[in-house]
C-alpha atoms as a PDB file:
ATOM      1  CA  MET A   1      -0.026   0.033   0.008  1.00  0.00           C
ATOM      2  CA  GLN A   2       1.161   3.491  -0.869  1.00  0.00           C
ATOM      3  CA  GLN A   3       1.797   5.983   1.962  1.00  0.00           C
ATOM      4  CA  HIS A   4       0.284   9.483   1.613  1.00  0.00           C
ATOM      5  CA  GLU A   5       2.844  12.262   2.218  1.00  0.00           C
ATOM      6  CA  ALA A   6       1.675  15.541   3.822  1.00  0.00           C
ATOM      7  CA  VAL A   7       2.620  18.696   2.239  1.00  0.00           C
ATOM      8  CA  GLU A   8       4.877  20.639   4.405  1.00  0.00           C
ATOM      9  CA  LEU A   9       3.324  24.064   5.079  1.00  0.00           C
ATOM     10  CA  GLY A  10       5.261  27.088   5.708  1.00  0.00           C
ATOM     11  CA  GLU A  11       4.175  30.507   7.013  1.00  0.00           C
ATOM     12  CA  ASP A  12       1.406  31.922   5.441  1.00  0.00           C
ATOM     13  CA  LYS A  13       2.545  35.670   4.615  1.00  0.00           C
ATOM     14  CA  ALA A  14      -0.663  36.497   3.028  1.00  0.00           C
ATOM     15  CA  ALA A  15      -2.721  35.417   6.317  1.00  0.00           C
ATOM     16  CA  LYS A  16      -3.459  39.215   7.526  1.00  0.00           C
ATOM     17  CA  PHE A  17      -4.448  40.173   3.917  1.00  0.00           C
ATOM     18  CA  LYS A  18      -6.750  37.048   3.473  1.00  0.00           C
ATOM     19  CA  SER A  19      -8.374  37.886   6.867  1.00  0.00           C
ATOM     20  CA  ARG A  20      -9.138  41.397   6.038  1.00  0.00           C
ATOM     21  CA  VAL A  21     -10.496  40.650   2.606  1.00  0.00           C
ATOM     22  CA  GLY A  22     -12.762  37.895   4.233  1.00  0.00           C
ATOM     23  CA  LEU A  23     -14.069  40.150   6.944  1.00  0.00           C
ATOM     24  CA  ILE A  24     -15.083  42.922   4.325  1.00  0.00           C
ATOM     25  CA  LEU A  25     -16.703  40.385   2.312  1.00  0.00           C
ATOM     26  CA  PHE A  26     -18.548  38.949   5.249  1.00  0.00           C
ATOM     27  CA  GLY A  27     -19.500  42.255   6.492  1.00  0.00           C
ATOM     28  CA  VAL A  28     -21.096  43.200   2.920  1.00  0.00           C
ATOM     29  CA  TYR A  29     -22.685  39.897   2.579  1.00  0.00           C
ATOM     30  CA  SER A  30     -24.235  40.299   6.197  1.00  0.00           C
ATOM     31  CA  PHE A  31     -25.346  43.607   5.617  1.00  0.00           C
ATOM     32  CA  ILE A  32     -27.317  42.426   2.479  1.00  0.00           C
ATOM     33  CA  TYR A  33     -28.659  39.278   4.116  1.00  0.00           C
ATOM     34  CA  ALA A  34     -29.863  41.531   6.994  1.00  0.00           C
ATOM     35  CA  GLY A  35     -31.877  43.461   4.282  1.00  0.00           C
ATOM     36  CA  PHE A  36     -33.459  40.051   3.385  1.00  0.00           C
ATOM     37  CA  VAL A  37     -34.367  39.421   6.893  1.00  0.00           C
ATOM     38  CA  PHE A  38     -35.547  43.017   7.788  1.00  0.00           C
ATOM     39  CA  ILE A  39     -37.933  42.694   4.845  1.00  0.00           C
ATOM     40  CA  ASN A  40     -39.257  39.482   5.977  1.00  0.00           C
ATOM     41  CA  THR A  41     -39.590  40.677   9.705  1.00  0.00           C
ATOM     42  CA  TRP A  42     -41.334  43.941   9.141  1.00  0.00           C
ATOM     43  CA  SER A  43     -43.191  43.592   5.710  1.00  0.00           C
ATOM     44  CA  PRO A  44     -43.632  40.209   4.729  1.00  0.00           C
ATOM     45  CA  GLU A  45     -46.153  41.192   2.147  1.00  0.00           C
ATOM     46  CA  THR A  46     -43.504  42.869   0.256  1.00  0.00           C
ATOM     47  CA  MET A  47     -41.729  39.428  -0.462  1.00  0.00           C
ATOM     48  CA  GLY A  48     -44.823  38.605  -2.496  1.00  0.00           C
ATOM     49  CA  ILE A  49     -44.367  41.417  -5.027  1.00  0.00           C
ATOM     50  CA  LYS A  50     -43.290  40.219  -8.659  1.00  0.00           C
ATOM     51  CA  VAL A  51     -39.961  41.783  -9.611  1.00  0.00           C
ATOM     52  CA  ALA A  52     -38.542  40.006 -12.427  1.00  0.00           C
ATOM     53  CA  PHE A  53     -38.867  37.018 -14.650  1.00  0.00           C
ATOM     54  CA  GLY A  54     -42.290  36.319 -12.938  1.00  0.00           C
ATOM     55  CA  LEU A  55     -40.663  35.637  -9.673  1.00  0.00           C
ATOM     56  CA  ASN A  56     -41.610  37.273  -6.423  1.00  0.00           C
ATOM     57  CA  LEU A  57     -39.061  39.380  -4.309  1.00  0.00           C
ATOM     58  CA  ALA A  58     -38.650  36.294  -1.925  1.00  0.00           C
ATOM     59  CA  VAL A  59     -37.184  33.987  -4.550  1.00  0.00           C
ATOM     60  CA  PHE A  60     -35.373  36.411  -6.402  1.00  0.00           C
ATOM     61  CA  TYR A  61     -33.623  37.829  -3.451  1.00  0.00           C
ATOM     62  CA  GLY A  62     -32.883  34.388  -2.455  1.00  0.00           C
ATOM     63  CA  PHE A  63     -31.315  33.367  -5.742  1.00  0.00           C
ATOM     64  CA  PHE A  64     -29.554  36.806  -5.591  1.00  0.00           C
ATOM     65  CA  LEU A  65     -28.177  35.919  -2.233  1.00  0.00           C
ATOM     66  CA  ILE A  66     -26.885  32.476  -3.388  1.00  0.00           C
ATOM     67  CA  ILE A  67     -25.330  33.730  -6.509  1.00  0.00           C
ATOM     68  CA  LEU A  68     -23.586  36.727  -4.434  1.00  0.00           C
ATOM     69  CA  ALA A  69     -21.978  34.149  -2.139  1.00  0.00           C
ATOM     70  CA  ILE A  70     -20.475  32.448  -5.104  1.00  0.00           C
ATOM     71  CA  VAL A  71     -19.165  35.580  -6.968  1.00  0.00           C
ATOM     72  CA  MET A  72     -17.688  36.886  -3.436  1.00  0.00           C
ATOM     73  CA  GLY A  73     -15.893  33.252  -3.055  1.00  0.00           C
ATOM     74  CA  ILE A  74     -14.390  33.662  -6.512  1.00  0.00           C
ATOM     75  CA  ILE A  75     -13.301  37.326  -5.861  1.00  0.00           C
ATOM     76  CA  TYR A  76     -11.805  36.042  -2.621  1.00  0.00           C
ATOM     77  CA  ASN A  77     -10.118  33.218  -4.138  1.00  0.00           C
ATOM     78  CA  HIS A  78      -8.685  35.665  -6.962  1.00  0.00           C
ATOM     79  CA  TYR A  79      -7.451  38.306  -4.675  1.00  0.00           C
ATOM     80  CA  CYS A  80      -5.873  36.009  -1.994  1.00  0.00           C
ATOM     81  CA  THR A  81      -4.119  33.923  -4.763  1.00  0.00           C
ATOM     82  CA  LYS A  82      -2.845  36.965  -6.299  1.00  0.00           C
ATOM     83  CA  MET A  83      -1.324  38.088  -2.959  1.00  0.00           C
ATOM     84  CA  GLU A  84       0.077  34.766  -2.238  1.00  0.00           C
ATOM     85  CA  ASN A  85       1.715  34.616  -5.557  1.00  0.00           C
ATOM     86  CA  LYS A  86       3.170  37.937  -4.937  1.00  0.00           C
ATOM     87  CA  LEU A  87       4.523  37.215  -1.451  1.00  0.00           C
ATOM     88  CA  ASN A  88       5.932  33.894  -2.325  1.00  0.00           C
ATOM     89  CA  GLY A  89       7.381  35.261  -5.316  1.00  0.00           C
ATOM     90  CA  GLU A  90       9.461  37.966  -3.430  1.00  0.00           C
ATOM     91  CA  GLU A  91      10.455  34.859  -1.063  1.00  0.00           C
ATOM     92  CA  GLU A  92      11.649  33.153  -4.196  1.00  0.00           C
ATOM     93  CA  GLU A  93      13.457  36.167  -5.388  1.00  0.00           C
ATOM     94  CA  ASN A  94      15.115  36.513  -2.015  1.00  0.00           C
ATOM     95  CA  LYS A  95      16.550  32.807  -2.071  1.00  0.00           C
ATOM     96  CA  GLU A  96      18.414  33.327  -5.263  1.00  0.00           C
END
């Protein structure tokens, strides 16, 4: 049987940047989600209004939240990978 070799992880130099980006995106998403909860709490009849493509606001807003989460995940991955590559590239240049 073949043994699995673990990857050796070093220091994450982009951790501070990744935390900041993650918290910003979390804050934006939480604010938009809070709007959904606010509408449902204070004016539930508003959620029955047809807004687009024959969908009511509740369904449209729900799909929007799902798509927004996916897009934010892609944005997070893009910027964090870019920063990791930049910092690791600097590390490689210093070794040579």
